[in-house]
Amino acid sequence: MRSWRNRWLWTVLVSIIWLCTIAVLYLYLTRRESPRIRNAVHELLWWTDDLHWNYDEMRHCGFDTCRVTNNHKRLHEARAILFYGSNMKVDEFPMPRSGRHLWGLLHEESPRNVPFVPYTEFLRHFNYTSTFSRYSDLPLTTQYLPHPSDLTQLDYQSTFLNKQRHQFNEQLASVVFLQTDCNTMSGREDYVRELMKHIQVDSYGSCLHNRDLPEQLQNDYLNNLYSDALLRFLSPYKFMIAIENGVCEDYITEKFWRPLMAGIIPIYFGSPSIRNWQPQNQSAIYIDEFPNASALAAHLQQVGGNESAYNAYLGHKFNRRQPIQNPLLVNHLLMRGYQMRRSGELSNEDSLFHKFECLMCRRAAWTDQRRPANKRHYNCPLPPVYAPLEQQKEPKYAADWRSMMGVGRCQAQLLDAFWRANIPYTKAEFDARLSEMMEQNKCN
C-alpha cells in the first residue's frame, strides 16, 4: 500500500512539474519580442529633458519586453509615461492625459529642487513610484551604499591609536566636515558653525572652509564620492559630520554610508528613520539626541578620548562574526535590484533607469490598475525640519525654505486642479493662476 501511494505521489509531482514547464515555455514563446508581435509590445515614453539624445531601445524584463523611447511624438502609442523627478517643470506634463496612460515617477532627491513633490495632491496622479521611501514600488533607500561588503571591509580602517597619532603628528581635528552647499533646508551650515565654537572641526569643502584638500582631491571629489584616495584621506578622523540637506523618511545619502565605509563614526542628522537602517544598534552619534551643539561637543570629546567607548560604534568593522546585525538592512541589500559601483555610477544593466523601466514594463503588461500613489511614497515631513540650534534659534534661511515649500503646496494643488480637469495649459496660464491663489491665500 505504501509503495503504491509513493508511486502515485511521484506521478502527481512529475505531472505538476511538467505542466509548470509547459506554462513557462508558453509564456516565454508568446510574450517574447518577434516581428510578428512587434506591434503588441508596450511602449514606455520618458517625458524628461534629461535624455538629450535619441533614446529608443527594446527593454527585456524577464518574460516581458517593452519599447522605451524619449520621442514625444510617440505619446499616443505609449502605454506608460515615465518622469524623472529632479528637473520636473510644472508646465511640462502631457495634457490631456489618455485613460490608458500609466504614470511612473523616478525621484531620488529631497524636495529642495522640486518643492511640489511631497504633497498628496501631486503624488496621487502617479500610479507607480521609485523613490528613497521604503514604501515606493522600487525603493532606493540604500542606493548610496555601493555594496554591502563596503561596510565590513577593513581596507580603510585605522585603529584608535593610529587616529590619535594622526591628530598629534598632523595636527588634525577629531571631526571632519566636507560640504560645498551652504544653504540647506536642514540648517546644516548653521549647526556646524555653532559646533565649531565648542570643538575643532576640519572643514575641507567650500562651506565653512578652513583647511585645504590634497591637490589630487580638489578637482573632482564631488563626482568620486567613494574613491580610494578620498576614503584613505578621511580615515584618520574619528568623527565625520553627516547632515543631510533635507529631512525625509528613508532619505539617506553618502553622508551616512561614507564614514561607515571609512571606519569613522558619523555625526548624523536627517532621516527620522535612520536607526532602522544602521548596521548595528550603535553605529552613529545622532544630533537629535542632544539639545544643542555644546552638548554634542562634550559627548564627542568623551567618546573621542576613550578607546573602548569609541570602538563600541564600530561593530560593523570589528565584529567579524556578525558585522551587520540589522535584519531589515540585510534583507533590503539582498533584495534590491540595482548595484552601484564605487565611483557612484551604476552599470548599464543594473542602472536605476533600467530597473525602473522594467518595473513599468511589467505593470504595463500585466495590469490595468490605475491605483494612486500617496504621501508615503515620498514621505517628507512638512514644514521643513532642521538641526537644533542653541537658544532655539532658527537657521539663517529657515523662513526662505518654509516659503518655498508653501509655494510648492500651491503648485501641487494647482496641478491637481488642472490634471483633474484634464485640459492642456501653458506656463503663463499656470503662473497667473498660481499668483492669484497665493495672493488670496487659497492654498491650504
Protein backbone atom coordinates (compact mmCIF):
# COMPACT_ATOMS: atom_id res chain seq x y z
CA MET A 1 0.00 0.00 0.00
CA ARG A 2 2.76 2.44 0.95
CA SER A 3 4.65 1.65 -2.28
CA TRP A 4 1.55 2.33 -4.37
CA ARG A 5 0.94 5.60 -2.54
CA ASN A 6 4.55 6.70 -3.10
CA ARG A 7 4.27 5.95 -6.82
CA TRP A 8 1.03 7.91 -7.01
CA LEU A 9 2.55 10.93 -5.25
CA TRP A 10 5.60 10.77 -7.50
CA THR A 11 3.37 10.67 -10.60
CA VAL A 12 1.39 13.70 -9.40
CA LEU A 13 4.60 15.61 -8.64
CA VAL A 14 6.09 14.87 -12.07
CA SER A 15 2.83 15.92 -13.73
CA ILE A 16 2.79 19.25 -11.86
CA ILE A 17 6.42 19.95 -12.81
CA TRP A 18 5.67 19.09 -16.43
CA LEU A 19 2.60 21.34 -16.56
CA CYS A 20 4.55 24.22 -14.97
CA THR A 21 7.34 23.79 -17.51
CA ILE A 22 4.85 23.90 -20.38
CA ALA A 23 3.20 27.01 -18.92
CA VAL A 24 6.53 28.83 -18.52
CA LEU A 25 7.61 27.87 -22.04
CA TYR A 26 4.27 29.03 -23.44
CA LEU A 27 4.56 32.41 -21.72
CA TYR A 28 8.11 32.84 -22.97
CA LEU A 29 7.26 31.94 -26.57
CA THR A 30 4.10 34.03 -26.73
CA ARG A 31 5.44 37.15 -24.97
CA ARG A 32 8.98 37.45 -26.32
CA GLU A 33 9.80 40.03 -28.99
CA SER A 34 9.40 38.90 -32.61
CA PRO A 35 8.49 40.64 -35.86
CA ARG A 36 5.02 39.09 -35.74
CA ILE A 37 4.10 40.63 -32.39
CA ARG A 38 6.22 43.78 -32.51
CA ASN A 39 3.09 45.92 -32.60
CA ALA A 40 1.83 44.24 -29.41
CA VAL A 41 4.90 45.28 -27.41
CA HIS A 42 4.01 48.00 -24.92
CA GLU A 43 5.74 51.34 -25.28
CA LEU A 44 7.18 53.38 -22.42
CA LEU A 45 7.81 57.08 -23.02
CA TRP A 46 10.32 59.09 -20.99
CA TRP A 47 8.91 62.59 -20.58
CA THR A 48 12.07 64.34 -19.46
CA ASP A 49 14.67 66.73 -20.85
CA ASP A 50 17.49 64.89 -19.08
CA LEU A 51 17.80 62.48 -22.02
CA HIS A 52 19.40 64.81 -24.54
CA TRP A 53 19.99 62.09 -27.10
CA ASN A 54 17.63 59.96 -29.17
CA TYR A 55 16.65 57.12 -26.86
CA ASP A 56 14.85 54.15 -28.39
CA GLU A 57 15.55 50.68 -27.04
CA MET A 58 13.87 47.33 -26.52
CA ARG A 59 13.92 46.57 -22.79
CA HIS A 60 13.80 42.85 -21.92
CA CYS A 61 12.44 42.26 -18.43
CA GLY A 62 12.08 38.55 -17.80
CA PHE A 63 9.06 37.40 -19.81
CA ASP A 64 8.10 40.97 -20.68
CA THR A 65 9.53 43.18 -23.40
CA CYS A 66 8.81 46.87 -23.90
CA ARG A 67 9.94 49.56 -26.26
CA VAL A 68 11.40 52.52 -24.34
CA THR A 69 11.77 55.88 -26.05
CA ASN A 70 12.02 59.60 -25.38
CA ASN A 71 10.36 60.57 -28.65
CA HIS A 72 7.42 62.73 -27.58
CA LYS A 73 5.75 62.08 -30.92
CA ARG A 74 5.06 58.55 -29.64
CA LEU A 75 2.74 59.88 -26.91
CA HIS A 76 -0.43 58.36 -28.37
CA GLU A 77 1.25 54.95 -28.81
CA ALA A 78 2.68 54.88 -25.27
CA ARG A 79 1.19 52.70 -22.55
CA ALA A 80 3.13 54.39 -19.74
CA ILE A 81 4.69 57.84 -19.29
CA LEU A 82 7.88 57.96 -17.20
CA PHE A 83 9.01 61.08 -15.34
CA TYR A 84 12.42 61.84 -13.80
CA GLY A 85 11.72 63.98 -10.76
CA SER A 86 14.87 66.06 -10.38
CA ASN A 87 14.08 68.53 -13.15
CA MET A 88 10.29 68.43 -13.47
CA LYS A 89 8.65 71.69 -14.50
CA VAL A 90 5.01 72.48 -13.72
CA ASP A 91 4.12 73.12 -17.37
CA GLU A 92 5.84 70.12 -18.92
CA PHE A 93 3.31 67.35 -18.30
CA PRO A 94 1.45 65.87 -21.30
CA MET A 95 -2.16 67.04 -21.22
CA PRO A 96 -4.80 65.87 -21.80
CA ARG A 97 -3.91 62.53 -20.24
CA SER A 98 -5.16 59.44 -22.01
CA GLY A 99 -7.20 56.98 -19.98
CA ARG A 100 -4.77 54.23 -20.95
CA HIS A 101 -1.65 56.03 -19.71
CA LEU A 102 0.06 54.82 -16.56
CA TRP A 103 2.28 57.46 -14.96
CA GLY A 104 5.53 56.48 -13.25
CA LEU A 105 7.82 58.72 -11.17
CA LEU A 106 11.54 58.14 -10.56
CA HIS A 107 12.79 60.66 -8.00
CA GLU A 108 15.97 60.28 -5.91
CA GLU A 109 16.31 63.68 -4.22
CA SER A 110 14.89 65.72 -1.35
CA PRO A 111 12.27 68.45 -2.05
CA ARG A 112 14.83 71.23 -2.41
CA ASN A 113 14.77 71.02 -6.24
CA VAL A 114 11.08 70.24 -6.81
CA PRO A 115 9.01 71.56 -3.88
CA PHE A 116 5.62 70.33 -5.11
CA VAL A 117 6.54 66.63 -4.98
CA PRO A 118 5.83 65.83 -1.27
CA TYR A 119 2.16 66.74 -1.45
CA THR A 120 -0.65 64.22 -1.88
CA GLU A 121 -2.34 66.42 -4.48
CA PHE A 122 0.65 65.83 -6.75
CA LEU A 123 1.58 62.24 -5.89
CA ARG A 124 -1.89 60.74 -6.31
CA HIS A 125 -1.75 61.27 -10.06
CA PHE A 126 1.14 58.78 -10.35
CA ASN A 127 0.48 55.07 -10.42
CA TYR A 128 3.95 53.76 -9.60
CA THR A 129 7.00 55.35 -7.98
CA SER A 130 10.66 54.75 -7.32
CA THR A 131 11.97 56.99 -4.52
CA PHE A 132 14.10 56.75 -1.39
CA SER A 133 10.99 55.79 0.61
CA ARG A 134 10.74 52.12 1.56
CA TYR A 135 7.03 52.36 0.64
CA SER A 136 7.62 53.21 -3.02
CA ASP A 137 7.31 50.49 -5.64
CA LEU A 138 11.06 50.38 -6.25
CA PRO A 139 12.71 51.68 -3.04
CA LEU A 140 16.08 53.42 -3.40
CA THR A 141 16.75 53.71 0.33
CA THR A 142 20.25 52.22 0.20
CA GLN A 143 21.20 53.43 -3.26
CA TYR A 144 24.16 55.38 -1.85
CA LEU A 145 25.71 52.26 -0.32
CA PRO A 146 27.63 50.74 -3.24
CA HIS A 147 27.94 47.20 -1.88
CA PRO A 148 27.15 45.51 1.47
CA SER A 149 30.80 44.41 1.81
CA ASP A 150 31.86 48.08 1.84
CA LEU A 151 30.51 48.34 5.37
CA THR A 152 32.60 45.46 6.67
CA GLN A 153 35.85 45.58 4.68
CA LEU A 154 38.93 46.81 6.54
CA ASP A 155 40.90 48.43 3.71
CA TYR A 156 40.50 51.92 5.18
CA GLN A 157 40.13 51.06 8.84
CA SER A 158 42.52 52.89 11.13
CA THR A 159 42.92 51.84 14.75
CA PHE A 160 42.09 54.19 17.60
CA LEU A 161 45.82 54.51 18.38
CA ASN A 162 46.61 55.46 14.78
CA LYS A 163 43.88 58.09 14.81
CA GLN A 164 45.40 59.51 17.99
CA ARG A 165 48.82 59.65 16.32
CA HIS A 166 47.43 61.41 13.25
CA GLN A 167 45.77 64.01 15.45
CA PHE A 168 49.00 64.65 17.31
CA ASN A 169 51.52 64.41 14.44
CA GLU A 170 49.49 66.05 11.66
CA GLN A 171 47.53 68.33 13.96
CA LEU A 172 44.21 67.02 12.68
CA ALA A 173 40.95 67.75 14.42
CA SER A 174 38.93 64.77 15.61
CA VAL A 175 35.97 65.95 13.48
CA VAL A 176 35.90 66.38 9.69
CA PHE A 177 33.34 68.25 7.57
CA LEU A 178 33.23 68.04 3.77
CA GLN A 179 30.42 70.02 2.11
CA THR A 180 30.03 72.57 -0.66
CA ASP A 181 26.37 73.56 -0.19
CA CYS A 182 25.94 76.26 2.45
CA ASN A 183 22.19 76.88 2.09
CA THR A 184 20.26 73.78 3.13
CA MET A 185 16.74 73.01 4.32
CA SER A 186 18.19 71.19 7.34
CA GLY A 187 20.22 74.19 8.52
CA ARG A 188 23.41 72.14 8.26
CA GLU A 189 25.78 75.08 7.93
CA ASP A 190 24.26 76.91 10.92
CA TYR A 191 24.63 73.87 13.16
CA VAL A 192 28.23 73.19 12.15
CA ARG A 193 29.10 76.83 12.71
CA GLU A 194 27.84 76.51 16.29
CA LEU A 195 29.65 73.19 16.79
CA MET A 196 32.92 74.85 15.73
CA LYS A 197 32.64 77.14 18.77
CA HIS A 198 32.98 74.13 21.08
CA ILE A 199 35.25 71.66 19.28
CA GLN A 200 37.80 71.84 16.47
CA VAL A 201 36.41 70.84 13.07
CA ASP A 202 38.46 70.48 9.88
CA SER A 203 36.24 71.76 7.06
CA TYR A 204 37.56 70.98 3.57
CA GLY A 205 34.62 71.90 1.34
CA SER A 206 33.68 75.40 0.23
CA CYS A 207 31.14 75.58 3.06
CA LEU A 208 32.82 76.91 6.25
CA HIS A 209 36.18 76.18 4.64
CA ASN A 210 39.19 76.28 6.96
CA ARG A 211 41.50 73.64 5.52
CA ASP A 212 42.57 72.59 2.00
CA LEU A 213 42.16 69.17 0.49
CA PRO A 214 45.23 67.49 -1.00
CA GLU A 215 45.77 68.65 -4.57
CA GLN A 216 44.76 65.31 -6.11
CA LEU A 217 41.32 65.54 -4.44
CA GLN A 218 40.50 69.17 -5.11
CA ASN A 219 39.20 68.94 -8.65
CA ASP A 220 36.57 66.25 -8.73
CA TYR A 221 35.82 64.75 -5.32
CA LEU A 222 32.09 65.51 -5.71
CA ASN A 223 31.91 63.08 -8.62
CA ASN A 224 34.01 60.47 -6.86
CA LEU A 225 32.24 60.09 -3.55
CA TYR A 226 33.87 56.78 -2.67
CA SER A 227 37.23 57.00 -4.39
CA ASP A 228 40.08 55.09 -2.81
CA ALA A 229 42.07 58.30 -2.35
CA LEU A 230 39.22 60.12 -0.63
CA LEU A 231 38.38 57.27 1.76
CA ARG A 232 42.05 56.89 2.72
CA PHE A 233 42.31 60.63 3.29
CA LEU A 234 39.27 60.68 5.59
CA SER A 235 40.04 57.50 7.56
CA PRO A 236 42.37 59.10 10.18
CA TYR A 237 39.48 61.18 11.52
CA LYS A 238 37.43 59.93 14.46
CA PHE A 239 34.13 61.62 13.53
CA MET A 240 32.56 62.94 10.34
CA ILE A 241 29.64 65.37 10.21
CA ALA A 242 26.84 63.72 8.24
CA ILE A 243 23.89 66.11 7.97
CA GLU A 244 21.52 65.65 5.02
CA ASN A 245 20.46 68.70 3.01
CA GLY A 246 16.82 67.86 3.76
CA VAL A 247 14.86 65.73 6.20
CA CYS A 248 12.70 62.94 4.76
CA GLU A 249 11.91 59.43 5.97
CA ASP A 250 14.42 56.99 4.46
CA TYR A 251 16.31 59.76 2.61
CA ILE A 252 19.86 58.56 3.34
CA THR A 253 22.80 59.60 1.19
CA GLU A 254 26.55 59.06 1.10
CA LYS A 255 26.79 61.35 4.12
CA PHE A 256 25.81 58.39 6.31
CA TRP A 257 27.37 55.48 4.41
CA ARG A 258 30.75 57.01 3.53
CA PRO A 259 32.05 57.46 7.09
CA LEU A 260 30.84 53.96 7.96
CA MET A 261 32.79 52.62 4.99
CA ALA A 262 35.93 54.51 6.09
CA GLY A 263 35.69 53.40 9.74
CA ILE A 264 34.63 56.83 11.02
CA ILE A 265 31.71 57.50 13.35
CA PRO A 266 29.03 59.58 11.57
CA ILE A 267 27.56 62.57 13.41
CA TYR A 268 24.17 62.26 11.76
CA PHE A 269 21.09 64.38 11.25
CA GLY A 270 18.49 63.75 8.56
CA SER A 271 16.21 60.79 8.08
CA PRO A 272 14.00 60.24 11.17
CA SER A 273 14.11 56.51 10.39
CA ILE A 274 17.91 56.31 10.23
CA ARG A 275 18.13 53.96 13.23
CA ASN A 276 16.15 51.42 11.22
CA TRP A 277 19.00 51.26 8.71
CA GLN A 278 22.21 51.34 10.77
CA PRO A 279 24.26 48.11 10.61
CA GLN A 280 24.32 47.64 14.39
CA ASN A 281 22.37 49.07 17.32
CA GLN A 282 25.05 51.73 17.85
CA SER A 283 26.67 52.82 14.60
CA ALA A 284 26.41 56.62 14.70
CA ILE A 285 26.05 59.62 17.00
CA TYR A 286 22.69 61.28 16.41
CA ILE A 287 22.38 65.04 16.66
CA ASP A 288 18.70 64.87 17.61
CA GLU A 289 19.69 63.22 20.92
CA PHE A 290 21.40 66.41 22.10
CA PRO A 291 19.73 69.74 22.94
CA ASN A 292 22.41 71.78 21.17
CA ALA A 293 25.89 71.75 19.65
CA SER A 294 27.57 72.39 23.01
CA ALA A 295 26.14 69.19 24.48
CA LEU A 296 27.13 67.23 21.38
CA ALA A 297 30.70 68.57 21.54
CA ALA A 298 31.03 67.41 25.15
CA HIS A 299 29.90 63.93 24.13
CA LEU A 300 32.34 63.83 21.21
CA GLN A 301 35.23 64.73 23.50
CA GLN A 302 34.24 62.00 25.91
CA VAL A 303 33.89 59.29 23.24
CA GLY A 304 36.94 60.51 21.31
CA GLY A 305 39.13 60.18 24.39
CA ASN A 306 38.07 56.65 25.33
CA GLU A 307 39.14 53.75 23.11
CA SER A 308 36.52 51.26 24.30
CA ALA A 309 33.72 53.83 24.05
CA TYR A 310 34.90 54.79 20.57
CA ASN A 311 35.22 51.24 19.26
CA ALA A 312 31.74 50.41 20.50
CA TYR A 313 30.42 52.33 17.46
CA LEU A 314 32.49 50.27 15.01
CA GLY A 315 30.94 46.82 15.44
CA HIS A 316 30.42 46.59 11.68
CA LYS A 317 34.22 46.59 11.37
CA PHE A 318 35.37 44.72 14.47
CA ASN A 319 32.62 42.12 14.99
CA ARG A 320 33.75 39.71 12.30
CA ARG A 321 31.25 37.03 13.30
CA GLN A 322 28.19 39.23 12.71
CA PRO A 323 29.20 42.65 11.39
CA ILE A 324 25.70 43.58 10.14
CA GLN A 325 23.13 42.74 12.80
CA ASN A 326 20.21 44.65 11.31
CA PRO A 327 17.83 42.20 9.56
CA LEU A 328 15.98 45.00 7.73
CA LEU A 329 19.23 46.28 6.24
CA VAL A 330 20.43 42.79 5.33
CA ASN A 331 17.14 41.92 3.65
CA HIS A 332 16.99 45.20 1.74
CA LEU A 333 20.55 44.83 0.46
CA LEU A 334 19.83 41.27 -0.67
CA MET A 335 16.56 42.13 -2.38
CA ARG A 336 17.38 45.43 -4.08
CA GLY A 337 17.62 45.06 -7.82
CA TYR A 338 20.34 47.62 -8.54
CA GLN A 339 24.07 47.67 -7.91
CA MET A 340 26.17 50.81 -7.65
CA ARG A 341 29.88 50.98 -8.35
CA ARG A 342 32.35 52.69 -6.05
CA SER A 343 32.51 55.62 -8.43
CA GLY A 344 28.89 56.32 -7.61
CA GLU A 345 27.74 55.11 -11.01
CA LEU A 346 25.64 52.12 -11.94
CA SER A 347 26.46 49.62 -14.64
CA ASN A 348 24.04 49.82 -17.57
CA GLU A 349 22.34 46.54 -16.83
CA ASP A 350 21.85 47.49 -13.18
CA SER A 351 21.07 51.19 -13.60
CA LEU A 352 18.14 52.69 -11.74
CA PHE A 353 16.71 53.84 -15.06
CA HIS A 354 16.70 50.32 -16.46
CA LYS A 355 15.26 48.82 -13.28
CA PHE A 356 12.53 51.45 -13.23
CA GLU A 357 11.78 50.82 -16.89
CA CYS A 358 11.34 47.12 -16.13
CA LEU A 359 9.04 47.90 -13.21
CA MET A 360 6.84 49.97 -15.51
CA CYS A 361 7.10 47.42 -18.32
CA ARG A 362 5.73 44.66 -16.08
CA ARG A 363 2.93 46.89 -14.78
CA ALA A 364 2.02 47.91 -18.32
CA ALA A 365 1.92 44.29 -19.43
CA TRP A 366 0.02 42.78 -16.53
CA THR A 367 -2.31 45.36 -15.04
CA ASP A 368 -4.86 47.97 -16.00
CA GLN A 369 -4.97 49.20 -12.43
CA ARG A 370 -4.78 52.98 -12.06
CA ARG A 371 -4.14 52.98 -8.32
CA PRO A 372 -2.77 56.28 -6.97
CA ALA A 373 0.48 56.83 -5.10
CA ASN A 374 0.26 58.58 -1.73
CA LYS A 375 2.46 60.71 0.51
CA ARG A 376 4.21 57.63 1.94
CA HIS A 377 5.73 57.09 -1.49
CA TYR A 378 7.87 60.17 -0.80
CA ASN A 379 7.44 60.70 2.94
CA CYS A 380 8.89 64.13 3.80
CA PRO A 381 7.85 65.95 6.99
CA LEU A 382 6.33 69.36 6.38
CA PRO A 383 7.22 72.09 7.18
CA PRO A 384 10.99 71.55 6.81
CA VAL A 385 12.83 70.21 9.87
CA TYR A 386 16.28 71.49 10.88
CA ALA A 387 19.03 70.61 13.34
CA PRO A 388 18.56 72.03 16.88
CA LEU A 389 20.40 75.31 17.44
CA GLU A 390 21.32 76.95 20.71
CA GLN A 391 18.65 79.13 22.36
CA GLN A 392 16.13 77.55 19.95
CA LYS A 393 17.24 79.83 17.13
CA GLU A 394 16.20 79.21 13.54
CA PRO A 395 18.72 78.66 10.74
CA LYS A 396 19.50 81.69 8.61
CA TYR A 397 17.44 80.50 5.63
CA ALA A 398 14.62 78.72 7.51
CA ALA A 399 11.98 81.29 6.53
CA ASP A 400 13.04 81.11 2.86
CA TRP A 401 12.68 77.32 2.82
CA ARG A 402 9.27 77.45 4.50
CA SER A 403 8.18 80.00 1.91
CA MET A 404 9.46 77.80 -0.91
CA MET A 405 7.56 74.78 0.41
CA GLY A 406 4.47 76.98 0.74
CA VAL A 407 4.76 77.78 -2.95
CA GLY A 408 5.21 74.05 -3.58
CA ARG A 409 1.92 73.36 -1.79
CA CYS A 410 0.14 75.87 -4.05
CA GLN A 411 1.79 74.37 -7.12
CA ALA A 412 0.67 70.86 -6.14
CA GLN A 413 -2.91 71.99 -5.59
CA LEU A 414 -3.00 73.83 -8.90
CA LEU A 415 -1.51 70.88 -10.77
CA ASP A 416 -4.17 68.71 -9.18
CA ALA A 417 -6.88 71.06 -10.44
CA PHE A 418 -5.53 71.15 -14.00
CA TRP A 419 -4.98 67.39 -14.10
CA ARG A 420 -8.43 66.53 -12.76
CA ALA A 421 -9.92 68.83 -15.40
CA ASN A 422 -7.61 67.04 -17.88
CA ILE A 423 -7.03 70.11 -20.01
CA PRO A 424 -3.83 71.49 -21.54
CA TYR A 425 -2.36 74.67 -20.08
CA THR A 426 0.57 76.98 -20.69
CA LYS A 427 3.20 78.22 -18.28
CA ALA A 428 1.70 81.70 -18.45
CA GLU A 429 -1.74 80.34 -17.51
CA PHE A 430 -0.27 78.32 -14.66
CA ASP A 431 1.75 81.25 -13.29
CA ALA A 432 -1.25 83.60 -13.43
CA ARG A 433 -3.47 81.14 -11.54
CA LEU A 434 -0.69 80.47 -9.03
CA SER A 435 -0.23 84.17 -8.29
CA GLU A 436 -3.97 84.55 -7.77
CA MET A 437 -4.11 81.60 -5.37
CA MET A 438 -1.22 82.90 -3.30
CA GLU A 439 -2.48 86.48 -3.17
CA GLN A 440 -5.89 85.28 -1.97
CA ASN A 441 -4.41 82.72 0.46
CA LYS A 442 -6.26 79.88 -1.26
CA CYS A 443 -3.53 77.31 -0.56
CA ASN A 444 -4.45 75.18 2.45
